[in-house]
Amino acid sequence: MAHAKAVDVPPSLGPGRKRTGGSGNPWLVLLAVSLGVIMVMLDGTVVGIANPSIQQDLGASLSDLQWVTSGYLLALAVFLITAGKLGDLFGHKRVFLIGVAGFALSSVGIGLSQELADIIPGVSPVGALIGLRVLQGLFGALLQPAALALLRAAFPGDKLNQAMGAWGAIIGLSSAAGPIVGGVLVQQVSWESVFFINAPVGIIALVLGIFLIRENRVPSLARIDWLGVVLLSGAMFSLVWTIIKAPEWGWGDSATLGFLGAFVVLIGAFIFWQSRAKQPLVPLSLFRNPSISIGTVLMMMVAFAMFGAMFFLGFFFQGVHGLSPLDAGLRMLPMSAGMIVASPLAGMMIGKLGPKITMATGLVITAGSMFLMSRLSIDASFIESAIPFVLLAFGLSPVFVGATEIIVGNAPIEYSGVAGGVQQSAMQVGGALGTAILGAVMAAEISSKLPGYLGPAAQAIPPEQLSLLEKAAAFGGLPAGTPQQLQQLVGGALHNAFMDGMHLAFLVSTGIALLTAVLALFVKAGRKTEGAPVHVG
């Protein structure tokens, strides 16, 4: 059993508590924690750009490359809520700094995968890289909820929406820089350099964090709910693993149904145990506040619509248009750059109009943007794609800022770490579900339309070869190196089928955004009582 000692915490945390250390300026706290999260955001965008070079240098298979992404996602999604609880128990500053240091060190280790494989018997370079990516996900999970909890403690309730707006702008900036910085580093230096860059960022974040952030920890929390950790981790693993593998296995496959069944059993057991535990991992009474419950659902649904639909744009720009990774990143720059402006504006609007109207309006704008994307032509110009991207930035920013502020801001301060973990988990699960389900929708549409585009020749193509063509169409076309004659014969058909599938995926996302806008109308500002107790048993 781990025991927590009483430590100095912000006066806003409750009677008799005080702050020690640090600068006392909440905006400097925002700067310090943002640098740590920038590493995570950059890594999320540069890995896809680095994958082709990783495959070439390390001889990685497609399955290996999938694990480079899936291993990180699994570790992150499974550990987020537990990591938030660790911050509540042992101190968010301490957990944040451990997360920053571990993320930076594991990033350096990824860049040295070849060297590590040479000195560790029985470990291949790809195996070392995948293992370190899992470790990187664990440290990223420590870092993110702690960052949100530190902001919750640093800013008073009436200023928290402004902080979240600035937070969204910083995330937008790092998202915009990721594809460009990654493209330049991969093309001009090496794929390893996109991971090495985390070292100087991590060092700066550590130094600033040590001197600028004040520690906060809750003396009343004295133990870790280990059974809750095991049950929730097993449930999250079963869910995310199902989402990752279902496109390969099939949604009706026995393995898919088995893991879904395991998720249902484990999450049911977890909820039952949380209602009985003296100090539960996730106090169920958190969700008695309707704003927290609705905010969690909003975060999941908007991540479903955004990440699920945006997943296909990389294939659209690179597969259909034939753009380089750097040029594809520049095509998507208007959306990320738009968030730099839209996120602070969203924080101001939430402060003036409240979350209900602001978020609902943002979701209607998001739906309009998705609809415009469903009308993109196969030869869409930069301006034609930039307009819906800018609209999407101004539509999504109020939702991400508002939902984050609702979840973290309405949670009692002693559970701000858990609330941050819930927010991040909702985003990760929603994004994974969107990618898997909209991917299945797109694949079904391609399978339906491709034979028609191939014309009479489709009847002469063996079923197994037609299936390969359908899979190629889902990535925007035939791979590089395909004979020119074959490209001319079926390339146009594959592109047309891909466009039909992408258009349908964006139309589904349009409907989801509109349904979510209706749900946002039920959000209430809720209370932001500092230190109010939550029923924990």
Protein backbone atom coordinates (compact mmCIF):
# COMPACT_ATOMS: atom_id res chain seq x y z
CA MET A 1 0.00 0.00 0.00
CA ALA A 2 1.40 3.42 -0.95
CA HIS A 3 0.87 6.17 1.61
CA ALA A 4 0.67 9.82 0.72
CA LYS A 5 1.95 12.50 3.08
CA ALA A 6 0.42 15.92 3.45
CA VAL A 7 2.20 18.36 1.18
CA ASP A 8 1.85 21.97 0.16
CA VAL A 9 -0.91 22.60 -2.34
CA PRO A 10 -2.64 25.66 -3.78
CA PRO A 11 -4.93 27.56 -1.41
CA SER A 12 -7.74 27.03 -3.88
CA LEU A 13 -7.57 23.33 -3.08
CA GLY A 14 -9.27 23.65 0.22
CA PRO A 15 -9.11 24.95 3.80
CA GLY A 16 -5.75 24.97 5.52
CA ARG A 17 -3.75 24.20 2.39
CA LYS A 18 -0.99 26.40 1.00
CA ARG A 19 1.45 26.60 -1.88
CA THR A 20 5.23 26.42 -1.82
CA GLY A 21 7.87 26.69 -4.51
CA GLY A 22 7.46 27.74 -8.10
CA SER A 23 6.81 31.14 -9.63
CA GLY A 24 3.14 31.52 -8.79
CA ASN A 25 2.39 32.75 -12.33
CA PRO A 26 -0.18 30.40 -13.89
CA TRP A 27 0.80 31.42 -17.43
CA LEU A 28 4.38 30.26 -16.78
CA VAL A 29 2.94 26.96 -15.56
CA LEU A 30 1.07 26.75 -18.86
CA LEU A 31 4.35 27.31 -20.73
CA ALA A 32 6.14 24.59 -18.77
CA VAL A 33 3.48 21.90 -19.16
CA SER A 34 2.89 22.79 -22.82
CA LEU A 35 6.49 22.03 -23.73
CA GLY A 36 6.06 18.54 -22.35
CA VAL A 37 2.86 17.93 -24.27
CA ILE A 38 4.41 19.35 -27.47
CA MET A 39 6.72 16.32 -27.50
CA VAL A 40 3.74 13.97 -27.48
CA MET A 41 1.93 15.92 -30.19
CA LEU A 42 4.99 16.08 -32.44
CA ASP A 43 5.57 12.35 -32.05
CA GLY A 44 1.98 11.60 -32.99
CA THR A 45 2.39 13.30 -36.37
CA VAL A 46 5.99 12.53 -37.35
CA VAL A 47 5.87 8.75 -36.94
CA GLY A 48 3.67 8.32 -40.01
CA ILE A 49 6.14 10.37 -42.04
CA ALA A 50 9.08 8.38 -40.71
CA ASN A 51 7.53 4.94 -41.30
CA PRO A 52 8.69 4.51 -44.94
CA SER A 53 12.30 5.26 -43.96
CA ILE A 54 12.02 2.95 -40.93
CA GLN A 55 10.79 0.18 -43.21
CA GLN A 56 13.69 0.68 -45.60
CA ASP A 57 16.48 1.03 -43.00
CA LEU A 58 15.34 -1.67 -40.55
CA GLY A 59 13.59 -4.03 -42.97
CA ALA A 60 10.33 -3.69 -41.07
CA SER A 61 7.25 -5.48 -42.35
CA LEU A 62 3.82 -3.88 -42.64
CA SER A 63 2.85 -5.69 -39.45
CA ASP A 64 5.92 -4.25 -37.71
CA LEU A 65 4.99 -0.73 -38.78
CA GLN A 66 1.44 -1.24 -37.53
CA TRP A 67 2.87 -2.22 -34.16
CA VAL A 68 5.02 0.91 -34.10
CA THR A 69 1.73 2.83 -33.97
CA SER A 70 -0.52 0.30 -32.21
CA GLY A 71 1.93 -0.46 -29.40
CA TYR A 72 2.12 3.23 -28.53
CA LEU A 73 -1.66 3.66 -28.75
CA LEU A 74 -2.34 0.62 -26.57
CA ALA A 75 0.05 1.73 -23.83
CA LEU A 76 -1.31 5.26 -23.88
CA ALA A 77 -4.99 4.30 -23.83
CA VAL A 78 -4.65 1.57 -21.20
CA PHE A 79 -2.63 3.63 -18.71
CA LEU A 80 -4.13 7.16 -18.95
CA ILE A 81 -6.69 7.01 -16.13
CA THR A 82 -4.35 5.10 -13.82
CA ALA A 83 -1.63 7.66 -14.55
CA GLY A 84 -4.03 10.45 -13.63
CA LYS A 85 -4.74 8.74 -10.32
CA LEU A 86 -1.01 8.42 -9.62
CA GLY A 87 -0.73 12.18 -10.02
CA ASP A 88 -3.60 12.74 -7.58
CA LEU A 89 -1.85 10.43 -5.10
CA PHE A 90 1.86 11.24 -5.43
CA GLY A 91 1.79 14.77 -6.84
CA HIS A 92 1.12 16.00 -10.36
CA LYS A 93 4.40 17.89 -10.67
CA ARG A 94 6.40 14.79 -9.78
CA VAL A 95 4.43 12.55 -12.15
CA PHE A 96 4.63 15.17 -14.94
CA LEU A 97 8.42 15.47 -14.63
CA ILE A 98 8.82 11.68 -14.60
CA GLY A 99 6.67 11.50 -17.73
CA VAL A 100 8.72 14.19 -19.49
CA ALA A 101 12.05 12.58 -18.60
CA GLY A 102 10.87 9.11 -19.54
CA PHE A 103 9.33 10.23 -22.82
CA ALA A 104 12.51 12.07 -23.84
CA LEU A 105 14.78 9.16 -22.88
CA SER A 106 12.63 6.56 -24.63
CA SER A 107 12.61 8.82 -27.73
CA VAL A 108 16.41 8.87 -27.75
CA GLY A 109 16.35 5.09 -27.31
CA ILE A 110 14.11 4.75 -30.39
CA GLY A 111 16.65 6.71 -32.41
CA LEU A 112 19.33 4.30 -31.17
CA SER A 113 17.31 1.13 -31.89
CA GLN A 114 19.99 -0.27 -34.20
CA GLU A 115 22.75 0.30 -31.65
CA LEU A 116 20.68 -1.17 -28.81
CA ALA A 117 19.96 -4.30 -30.88
CA ASP A 118 23.71 -4.75 -31.39
CA ILE A 119 24.41 -4.88 -27.66
CA ILE A 120 21.26 -6.68 -26.39
CA PRO A 121 21.29 -10.39 -27.31
CA GLY A 122 18.24 -11.70 -29.15
CA VAL A 123 16.71 -8.27 -29.80
CA SER A 124 16.20 -7.05 -33.35
CA PRO A 125 16.27 -3.34 -34.25
CA VAL A 126 12.53 -3.43 -35.04
CA GLY A 127 11.80 -5.26 -31.78
CA ALA A 128 13.76 -2.66 -29.83
CA LEU A 129 11.90 0.15 -31.60
CA ILE A 130 8.46 -1.36 -30.89
CA GLY A 131 9.32 -2.02 -27.23
CA LEU A 132 10.52 1.55 -26.77
CA ARG A 133 7.39 2.88 -28.47
CA VAL A 134 5.31 1.01 -25.86
CA LEU A 135 7.48 2.55 -23.13
CA GLN A 136 7.05 5.94 -24.77
CA GLY A 137 3.27 5.49 -24.63
CA LEU A 138 3.42 4.71 -20.90
CA PHE A 139 5.41 7.86 -20.15
CA GLY A 140 3.11 9.88 -22.42
CA ALA A 141 0.19 8.62 -20.34
CA LEU A 142 1.91 9.89 -17.19
CA LEU A 143 2.54 13.27 -18.75
CA GLN A 144 -0.80 14.28 -20.26
CA PRO A 145 -3.33 13.96 -17.39
CA ALA A 146 -0.79 15.51 -15.01
CA ALA A 147 -0.43 18.51 -17.33
CA LEU A 148 -4.19 19.13 -17.32
CA ALA A 149 -4.36 18.69 -13.54
CA LEU A 150 -1.54 21.22 -13.07
CA LEU A 151 -3.44 23.74 -15.18
CA ARG A 152 -6.58 23.05 -13.15
CA ALA A 153 -4.66 23.82 -9.95
CA ALA A 154 -2.84 26.88 -11.32
CA PHE A 155 -5.81 28.75 -12.80
CA PRO A 156 -8.92 29.89 -10.91
CA GLY A 157 -12.21 28.54 -12.23
CA ASP A 158 -13.21 31.73 -14.04
CA LYS A 159 -9.89 31.81 -15.95
CA LEU A 160 -9.66 28.14 -16.76
CA ASN A 161 -11.42 28.47 -20.13
CA GLN A 162 -8.81 31.04 -21.22
CA ALA A 163 -6.04 28.66 -20.21
CA MET A 164 -7.66 25.84 -22.17
CA GLY A 165 -7.97 28.13 -25.17
CA ALA A 166 -4.25 28.91 -25.04
CA TRP A 167 -3.60 25.21 -24.50
CA GLY A 168 -5.54 24.40 -27.67
CA ALA A 169 -3.55 27.00 -29.62
CA ILE A 170 -0.27 25.44 -28.52
CA ILE A 171 -1.50 21.99 -29.49
CA GLY A 172 -2.60 23.39 -32.86
CA LEU A 173 0.83 24.93 -33.37
CA SER A 174 2.63 21.68 -32.56
CA SER A 175 0.23 19.72 -34.79
CA ALA A 176 0.91 22.15 -37.63
CA ALA A 177 4.67 21.96 -37.13
CA GLY A 178 4.75 18.14 -36.87
CA PRO A 179 4.34 17.16 -40.53
CA ILE A 180 6.58 20.00 -41.72
CA VAL A 181 9.37 19.47 -39.17
CA GLY A 182 9.10 15.70 -39.63
CA GLY A 183 9.20 15.96 -43.41
CA VAL A 184 12.28 18.21 -43.34
CA LEU A 185 14.14 16.03 -40.82
CA VAL A 186 13.38 12.75 -42.61
CA GLN A 187 14.32 14.13 -46.02
CA GLN A 188 17.38 16.16 -44.95
CA VAL A 189 18.75 14.26 -41.92
CA SER A 190 17.34 10.83 -41.01
CA TRP A 191 14.27 9.18 -39.52
CA GLU A 192 16.14 8.89 -36.20
CA SER A 193 16.32 12.68 -35.95
CA VAL A 194 12.54 13.01 -35.56
CA PHE A 195 12.91 11.20 -32.23
CA PHE A 196 16.18 12.82 -31.15
CA ILE A 197 14.50 16.22 -31.34
CA ASN A 198 12.52 15.32 -28.22
CA ALA A 199 15.72 15.39 -26.13
CA PRO A 200 16.30 19.19 -26.14
CA VAL A 201 12.55 19.87 -25.84
CA GLY A 202 12.38 17.49 -22.88
CA ILE A 203 15.39 19.09 -21.15
CA ILE A 204 13.85 22.56 -21.44
CA ALA A 205 10.49 21.26 -20.17
CA LEU A 206 12.22 19.60 -17.19
CA VAL A 207 14.16 22.72 -16.23
CA LEU A 208 11.12 24.99 -16.49
CA GLY A 209 8.94 22.44 -14.71
CA ILE A 210 11.31 22.14 -11.75
CA PHE A 211 11.44 25.90 -11.18
CA LEU A 212 8.02 27.10 -12.31
CA ILE A 213 5.52 24.43 -11.26
CA ARG A 214 4.25 24.12 -7.71
CA GLU A 215 3.53 20.67 -6.39
CA ASN A 216 0.04 19.64 -5.38
CA ARG A 217 -1.06 16.42 -3.80
CA VAL A 218 -4.11 15.37 -1.82
CA PRO A 219 -3.42 14.20 1.76
CA SER A 220 -6.79 12.42 2.01
CA LEU A 221 -5.81 9.93 -0.71
CA ALA A 222 -3.73 7.17 0.85
CA ARG A 223 -3.81 4.12 -1.39
CA ILE A 224 -3.92 2.81 -4.95
CA ASP A 225 -6.93 0.76 -5.92
CA TRP A 226 -4.89 -2.08 -7.44
CA LEU A 227 -7.90 -4.25 -8.27
CA GLY A 228 -9.46 -1.28 -10.03
CA VAL A 229 -6.22 -0.74 -11.97
CA VAL A 230 -6.18 -4.37 -13.13
CA LEU A 231 -9.86 -4.42 -14.12
CA LEU A 232 -9.77 -1.08 -15.94
CA SER A 233 -6.47 -1.85 -17.70
CA GLY A 234 -7.83 -5.20 -18.88
CA ALA A 235 -11.05 -3.59 -20.09
CA MET A 236 -9.24 -0.79 -21.95
CA PHE A 237 -6.80 -3.24 -23.53
CA SER A 238 -9.65 -5.47 -24.71
CA LEU A 239 -11.52 -2.53 -26.20
CA VAL A 240 -8.58 -0.83 -27.96
CA TRP A 241 -7.14 -4.15 -29.16
CA THR A 242 -10.51 -5.04 -30.66
CA ILE A 243 -10.67 -1.67 -32.42
CA ILE A 244 -7.15 -2.11 -33.82
CA LYS A 245 -7.58 -5.70 -35.01
CA ALA A 246 -11.26 -5.77 -36.08
CA PRO A 247 -10.54 -4.41 -39.59
CA GLU A 248 -8.12 -7.31 -40.10
CA TRP A 249 -10.16 -10.01 -38.35
CA GLY A 250 -13.64 -8.85 -39.38
CA TRP A 251 -16.26 -7.44 -37.01
CA GLY A 252 -18.14 -10.75 -36.89
CA ASP A 253 -15.05 -12.88 -36.26
CA SER A 254 -14.96 -14.98 -33.08
CA ALA A 255 -11.76 -13.26 -31.91
CA THR A 256 -13.37 -9.82 -32.28
CA LEU A 257 -16.49 -10.92 -30.43
CA GLY A 258 -14.36 -12.62 -27.76
CA PHE A 259 -12.38 -9.46 -26.97
CA LEU A 260 -15.57 -7.38 -27.02
CA GLY A 261 -17.12 -9.84 -24.59
CA ALA A 262 -14.05 -9.58 -22.37
CA PHE A 263 -14.39 -5.79 -22.39
CA VAL A 264 -18.05 -5.97 -21.35
CA VAL A 265 -17.30 -8.38 -18.48
CA LEU A 266 -14.25 -6.46 -17.24
CA ILE A 267 -15.87 -3.02 -17.42
CA GLY A 268 -18.93 -4.39 -15.62
CA ALA A 269 -16.72 -5.84 -12.89
CA PHE A 270 -14.81 -2.55 -12.69
CA ILE A 271 -17.98 -0.48 -12.22
CA PHE A 272 -19.23 -2.91 -9.56
CA TRP A 273 -15.93 -2.73 -7.69
CA GLN A 274 -15.76 1.07 -7.89
CA SER A 275 -19.12 1.26 -6.15
CA ARG A 276 -17.70 -0.84 -3.27
CA ALA A 277 -14.07 0.34 -2.92
CA LYS A 278 -13.19 2.74 -0.10
CA GLN A 279 -10.87 4.78 -2.32
CA PRO A 280 -11.80 3.82 -5.88
CA LEU A 281 -9.62 4.44 -8.90
CA VAL A 282 -12.46 6.41 -10.55
CA PRO A 283 -15.11 7.71 -8.12
CA LEU A 284 -18.39 7.01 -9.89
CA SER A 285 -19.89 10.11 -8.30
CA LEU A 286 -17.76 12.19 -10.68
CA PHE A 287 -20.25 11.27 -13.37
CA ARG A 288 -23.21 12.42 -11.29
CA ASN A 289 -22.27 15.86 -12.51
CA PRO A 290 -24.03 15.81 -15.91
CA SER A 291 -21.48 18.21 -17.39
CA ILE A 292 -18.65 15.73 -16.79
CA SER A 293 -20.66 12.85 -18.23
CA ILE A 294 -21.82 14.79 -21.30
CA GLY A 295 -18.38 16.34 -21.77
CA THR A 296 -16.82 12.87 -21.86
CA VAL A 297 -19.30 11.70 -24.50
CA LEU A 298 -18.77 14.90 -26.51
CA MET A 299 -15.01 14.42 -26.47
CA MET A 300 -15.36 10.83 -27.65
CA MET A 301 -17.82 11.65 -30.44
CA VAL A 302 -15.94 14.63 -31.81
CA ALA A 303 -12.70 12.61 -31.79
CA PHE A 304 -14.59 9.85 -33.62
CA ALA A 305 -15.67 12.28 -36.34
CA MET A 306 -12.37 14.16 -36.61
CA PHE A 307 -9.70 11.48 -36.38
CA GLY A 308 -11.78 8.93 -38.24
CA ALA A 309 -12.36 11.19 -41.21
CA MET A 310 -8.97 12.93 -41.20
CA PHE A 311 -7.23 9.55 -41.33
CA PHE A 312 -8.09 9.28 -45.02
CA LEU A 313 -6.76 12.68 -46.04
CA GLY A 314 -3.13 11.55 -45.98
CA PHE A 315 -3.97 8.81 -48.47
CA PHE A 316 -6.00 11.28 -50.52
CA PHE A 317 -3.13 13.75 -50.86
CA GLN A 318 -0.32 11.22 -51.25
CA GLY A 319 -2.11 8.34 -53.01
CA VAL A 320 -4.50 10.20 -55.32
CA HIS A 321 -2.61 13.47 -55.79
CA GLY A 322 0.86 11.94 -55.58
CA LEU A 323 2.18 14.61 -53.18
CA SER A 324 5.27 14.10 -51.02
CA PRO A 325 4.79 13.74 -47.25
CA LEU A 326 6.00 17.33 -46.77
CA ASP A 327 3.64 18.71 -49.42
CA ALA A 328 0.77 16.71 -47.92
CA GLY A 329 1.56 18.24 -44.54
CA LEU A 330 1.49 21.71 -46.09
CA ARG A 331 -1.94 20.97 -47.59
CA MET A 332 -3.28 20.30 -44.07
CA LEU A 333 -1.54 23.34 -42.59
CA PRO A 334 -4.65 25.60 -42.80
CA MET A 335 -6.49 23.44 -40.27
CA SER A 336 -3.67 23.25 -37.73
CA ALA A 337 -2.77 26.92 -38.20
CA GLY A 338 -6.44 27.85 -37.87
CA MET A 339 -6.53 26.22 -34.43
CA ILE A 340 -3.83 28.64 -33.25
CA VAL A 341 -6.34 31.47 -33.77
CA ALA A 342 -9.55 29.58 -33.06
CA SER A 343 -8.61 27.99 -29.70
CA PRO A 344 -7.99 31.23 -27.72
CA LEU A 345 -11.09 32.71 -29.37
CA ALA A 346 -13.07 29.66 -28.27
CA GLY A 347 -11.90 30.16 -24.68
CA MET A 348 -13.09 33.78 -24.77
CA MET A 349 -16.46 32.85 -26.28
CA ILE A 350 -17.05 30.11 -23.70
CA GLY A 351 -16.35 32.69 -20.98
CA LYS A 352 -18.93 35.10 -22.46
CA LEU A 353 -21.63 32.80 -23.85
CA GLY A 354 -21.11 29.64 -21.81
CA PRO A 355 -20.22 26.17 -23.12
CA LYS A 356 -23.67 25.16 -24.41
CA ILE A 357 -24.11 27.69 -27.24
CA THR A 358 -20.41 27.87 -28.08
CA MET A 359 -19.94 24.10 -28.40
CA ALA A 360 -23.20 23.52 -30.28
CA THR A 361 -22.27 26.26 -32.76
CA GLY A 362 -18.80 24.77 -33.18
CA LEU A 363 -20.28 21.36 -33.94
CA VAL A 364 -22.61 22.82 -36.58
CA ILE A 365 -19.58 24.48 -38.20
CA THR A 366 -17.75 21.13 -37.97
CA ALA A 367 -20.67 19.42 -39.73
CA GLY A 368 -20.56 22.04 -42.48
CA SER A 369 -16.83 21.50 -42.92
CA MET A 370 -17.22 17.73 -43.12
CA PHE A 371 -19.96 18.15 -45.71
CA LEU A 372 -17.70 20.35 -47.85
CA MET A 373 -15.00 17.68 -47.61
CA SER A 374 -17.51 15.12 -48.85
CA ARG A 375 -17.73 17.21 -52.01
CA LEU A 376 -13.98 17.44 -52.70
CA SER A 377 -13.12 16.50 -56.26
CA ILE A 378 -10.37 14.14 -57.28
CA ASP A 379 -8.22 17.09 -58.45
CA ALA A 380 -9.12 19.51 -55.63
CA SER A 381 -6.88 22.58 -55.50
CA PHE A 382 -5.16 23.98 -52.40
CA ILE A 383 -7.90 26.60 -51.94
CA GLU A 384 -10.70 24.03 -52.32
CA SER A 385 -9.28 21.95 -49.48
CA ALA A 386 -8.11 24.92 -47.38
CA ILE A 387 -11.62 26.39 -46.96
CA PRO A 388 -13.12 23.33 -45.18
CA PHE A 389 -9.88 22.90 -43.18
CA VAL A 390 -10.09 26.43 -41.78
CA LEU A 391 -13.79 25.93 -41.02
CA LEU A 392 -12.94 22.67 -39.26
CA ALA A 393 -10.40 24.48 -37.05
CA PHE A 394 -13.04 27.01 -35.98
CA GLY A 395 -15.59 24.24 -35.49
CA LEU A 396 -13.48 21.80 -33.50
CA SER A 397 -11.67 24.29 -31.25
CA PRO A 398 -14.76 25.25 -29.19
CA VAL A 399 -15.54 21.56 -28.67
CA PHE A 400 -12.06 20.49 -27.60
CA VAL A 401 -11.57 23.54 -25.40
CA GLY A 402 -15.09 23.37 -23.99
CA ALA A 403 -15.19 19.63 -23.35
CA THR A 404 -11.76 19.67 -21.69
CA GLU A 405 -12.72 22.60 -19.47
CA ILE A 406 -16.04 20.95 -18.60
CA ILE A 407 -14.48 17.62 -17.63
CA VAL A 408 -11.41 18.88 -15.78
CA GLY A 409 -12.90 22.14 -14.50
CA ASN A 410 -16.01 20.55 -12.97
CA ALA A 411 -14.09 17.78 -11.21
CA PRO A 412 -13.12 18.47 -7.59
CA ILE A 413 -9.46 19.39 -7.46
CA GLU A 414 -8.47 16.21 -5.63
CA TYR A 415 -9.62 14.20 -8.64
CA SER A 416 -8.29 16.50 -11.36
CA GLY A 417 -5.72 13.90 -12.41
CA VAL A 418 -8.37 11.23 -12.85
CA ALA A 419 -10.52 13.75 -14.74
CA GLY A 420 -7.59 14.53 -17.05
CA GLY A 421 -7.15 10.81 -17.65
CA VAL A 422 -10.84 10.43 -18.45
CA GLN A 423 -10.63 13.30 -20.97
CA GLN A 424 -7.56 11.88 -22.69
CA SER A 425 -8.99 8.34 -22.70
CA ALA A 426 -12.23 9.55 -24.28
CA MET A 427 -10.22 11.23 -27.05
CA GLN A 428 -8.03 8.18 -27.69
CA VAL A 429 -10.92 5.68 -27.70
CA GLY A 430 -13.10 7.96 -29.83
CA GLY A 431 -10.33 8.48 -32.37
CA ALA A 432 -9.55 4.77 -32.55
CA LEU A 433 -13.24 3.91 -32.97
CA GLY A 434 -13.63 6.52 -35.68
CA THR A 435 -10.64 5.24 -37.62
CA ALA A 436 -11.84 1.62 -37.39
CA ILE A 437 -15.56 2.12 -38.02
CA LEU A 438 -15.27 4.77 -40.72
CA GLY A 439 -12.52 2.66 -42.26
CA ALA A 440 -14.97 -0.24 -42.43
CA VAL A 441 -17.62 2.05 -43.97
CA MET A 442 -15.12 3.23 -46.56
CA ALA A 443 -13.92 -0.31 -47.35
CA ALA A 444 -17.50 -1.48 -47.88
CA GLU A 445 -18.19 1.43 -50.24
CA ILE A 446 -15.01 0.73 -52.22
CA SER A 447 -15.92 -2.94 -52.50
CA SER A 448 -19.35 -1.94 -53.81
CA LYS A 449 -18.19 0.66 -56.34
CA LEU A 450 -14.86 -0.66 -57.65
CA PRO A 451 -16.28 -3.39 -59.96
CA GLY A 452 -18.42 -0.77 -61.66
CA TYR A 453 -15.44 1.49 -62.30
CA LEU A 454 -13.40 -1.45 -63.64
CA GLY A 455 -16.18 -2.19 -66.11
CA PRO A 456 -16.48 -5.52 -67.96
CA ALA A 457 -12.86 -6.31 -67.09
CA ALA A 458 -13.91 -6.87 -63.45
CA GLN A 459 -15.62 -10.15 -64.38
CA ALA A 460 -12.34 -11.54 -65.64
CA ILE A 461 -10.40 -10.67 -62.48
CA PRO A 462 -10.08 -13.58 -59.98
CA PRO A 463 -11.73 -12.82 -56.61
CA GLU A 464 -8.43 -12.85 -54.71
CA GLN A 465 -6.90 -10.31 -57.09
CA LEU A 466 -10.01 -8.15 -56.92
CA SER A 467 -9.69 -8.19 -53.14
CA LEU A 468 -6.08 -6.97 -53.46
CA LEU A 469 -7.24 -4.15 -55.73
CA GLU A 470 -9.88 -3.15 -53.16
CA LYS A 471 -7.21 -2.97 -50.45
CA ALA A 472 -5.01 -0.89 -52.76
CA ALA A 473 -7.93 1.46 -53.43
CA ALA A 474 -8.35 2.02 -49.67
CA PHE A 475 -4.83 3.53 -49.63
CA GLY A 476 -5.51 5.77 -52.62
CA GLY A 477 -4.03 3.63 -55.38
CA LEU A 478 -1.42 1.09 -56.34
CA PRO A 479 1.93 1.19 -54.51
CA ALA A 480 5.02 2.84 -55.97
CA GLY A 481 6.85 0.64 -58.42
CA THR A 482 3.70 -0.80 -59.99
CA PRO A 483 4.21 -1.20 -63.77
CA GLN A 484 3.02 1.85 -65.70
CA GLN A 485 0.76 -0.26 -67.91
CA LEU A 486 -1.15 -1.59 -64.89
CA GLN A 487 -1.36 1.90 -63.40
CA GLN A 488 -2.98 3.18 -66.59
CA LEU A 489 -5.34 0.20 -66.74
CA VAL A 490 -6.81 0.32 -63.22
CA GLY A 491 -5.39 3.47 -61.57
CA GLY A 492 -8.35 5.66 -62.48
CA ALA A 493 -10.84 3.09 -61.20
CA LEU A 494 -9.03 2.78 -57.87
CA HIS A 495 -8.95 6.56 -57.43
CA ASN A 496 -12.66 6.92 -58.21
CA ALA A 497 -13.59 4.13 -55.79
CA PHE A 498 -11.40 5.73 -53.10
CA MET A 499 -13.14 9.08 -53.59
CA ASP A 500 -16.57 7.46 -53.21
CA GLY A 501 -15.45 5.79 -49.99
CA MET A 502 -13.92 8.99 -48.60
CA HIS A 503 -17.02 11.00 -49.48
CA LEU A 504 -19.24 8.53 -47.61
CA ALA A 505 -16.93 8.61 -44.57
CA PHE A 506 -17.17 12.41 -44.45
CA LEU A 507 -20.96 12.27 -44.81
CA VAL A 508 -21.16 9.89 -41.83
CA SER A 509 -18.93 12.29 -39.88
CA THR A 510 -21.28 15.13 -40.86
CA GLY A 511 -24.21 13.28 -39.31
CA ILE A 512 -22.25 12.47 -36.16
CA ALA A 513 -21.26 16.13 -35.74
CA LEU A 514 -24.91 17.22 -36.04
CA LEU A 515 -26.08 14.63 -33.50
CA THR A 516 -23.31 15.73 -31.14
CA ALA A 517 -24.44 19.37 -31.55
CA VAL A 518 -27.86 18.37 -30.19
CA LEU A 519 -26.18 16.63 -27.24
CA ALA A 520 -24.14 19.77 -26.51
CA LEU A 521 -27.37 21.68 -25.84
CA PHE A 522 -27.79 19.63 -22.65
CA VAL A 523 -24.45 20.77 -21.20
CA LYS A 524 -24.58 22.94 -18.12
CA ALA A 525 -21.75 25.05 -16.83
CA GLY A 526 -21.89 23.11 -13.58
CA ARG A 527 -20.06 23.97 -10.39
CA LYS A 528 -16.34 24.58 -10.10
CA THR A 529 -16.07 24.28 -6.35
CA GLU A 530 -12.48 24.15 -5.20
CA GLY A 531 -11.90 21.22 -2.91
CA ALA A 532 -15.49 20.09 -2.58
CA PRO A 533 -15.51 16.45 -1.54
CA VAL A 534 -16.67 13.72 -3.84
CA HIS A 535 -18.38 10.67 -2.41
CA VAL A 536 -15.81 7.88 -2.72
CA GLY A 537 -17.49 4.89 -1.21
